[in-house]
């Protein structure tokens, strides 16, 4: 028999379910609210918690029980949660199970709800109960700090824990690698995809040697984390100009594969301060709805896939039933320069997705721009929205994610540019505005590839709640379809956790 915490603000129902469980031979502790629940779980251990979704009886928007379940997942992961409700909402069920780690969801208006509860407890009791360390330690985050002419700092948390400083210093020529990546980009324009893959792999092998082979402590930390963890993600922390370093090209010698296809890989740009937390399963679980702005800007020269991408993305987001969304879509005919200025000033959006032209100014990176028509219905001139203005407009934004589905969204200037400019490119400007997550492309990408990547990204993001795993999943999907399409290799994720 097991020990069960019952959390319900209705005394009659609390007594009914407590009696049902006691008659079945279980030990029961009934409480009325979150405060009593916390006191109980601190004082003694429980195997299960039965929690009413609406502990405050404040109507359909009351998800206090869901919030309590999420807190238990963080603080008391050994407690398996069953949620009880009289008002079943499909989205609540999906979110509870995907984001909160809830065991089951029981509709108490059904005639056999009591039998369902007992059956769920009986079945779960037959399975071995994971310890806290097992539950919280399935994944590992490996953070690697890179600064030229300094030792590497490697930290791991999760299943594998370590904190080391390498004996050797990093001797990576960022500019040399960036120029090699730019030369490889020429093969895209020539459509010489065979040579592109050869060049990229050579760059990736050299980066693997410079970072992991030349610093065996870092290599051992990676291999240990990979061996001990069910899932492993890597975060490279480095100065802003290191966005030029093509870390996404890193190619392992054993097994022979790109690092970004083995694990989620993201960047932390030192010097950028996020104004809010990154997206996570916990953040999505608490969101009443996700507010998304989708912008299409098909300027000169025409990009046929721009409007198709935003239409497909808007259609998917409105039809999915994982989480409530509020989509604001601006087509090319609507997305004038002034209209976009107006929308970006509003603190109304959690996600901003731009599909259109992007340009990079290597001489003065802060002049890198997104492009919009001056007038409605594609009238007038094409007006650039420079990185400097983009940073200013996003200054009051509540966005946690900006997705730049454009050429050169994450193209980055060199360190010397900071002597005259404030920003090293579009993605750097967005990060400097305080947006914690930015996705963008290093190179030009094909229309179809950009659309496929965006759809795959958002589908995975809503299912898993993590931009890191969403981009990894989308990369793997595109690489599996066609490795000759460089779209899967081009994205960079800035992730200011």
Foldseek 3Di string as FASTA:
>chain_A
DFEEEEEAQDVVVQVVLCVLQVVVPYHYDYDQDLVVVVVVCVVDPGQEYEFEQASPPPPPPRRRRLLSLQVCCVPPVLYAYEYEYQDDDPLLQLLSVQQRVHQYYFHPVDPCSSVVVVVSVVVVVVDDGDDPLVSFQQEKEWEWEADAPAWIWIAMDGQDGDTDTFPGGQHDDLVVQLVLLVVLLVCVVVLVLVVSVVSLLVSQQVVCCRPPVVGVVNVVSVVVNVVRHNAYEYEYEYALQSLSRQNQSHADVVVGGGPLLRHQYAYAHPPFAAPDAAWASSVQSPDQEAEEEEEFAQAPPGAVLRQVLSVVVVVVLPPDSNHHYDYDYAYQLRDAPVVVLVVLLDQGHQEYEYAYEWAADQQQRQQTFGWHANHGPNDDDIDTCGLVNSLVSNLNYNYQEYEYLYAQCSAFYHPVNVVPYVGGHNVRSVSNSNRQKYKDFRGGFHSVLSSQLVVQLVVVCSSNRDSRVSLSRSLNVVCVVPVSGCSSSTMHMHGND
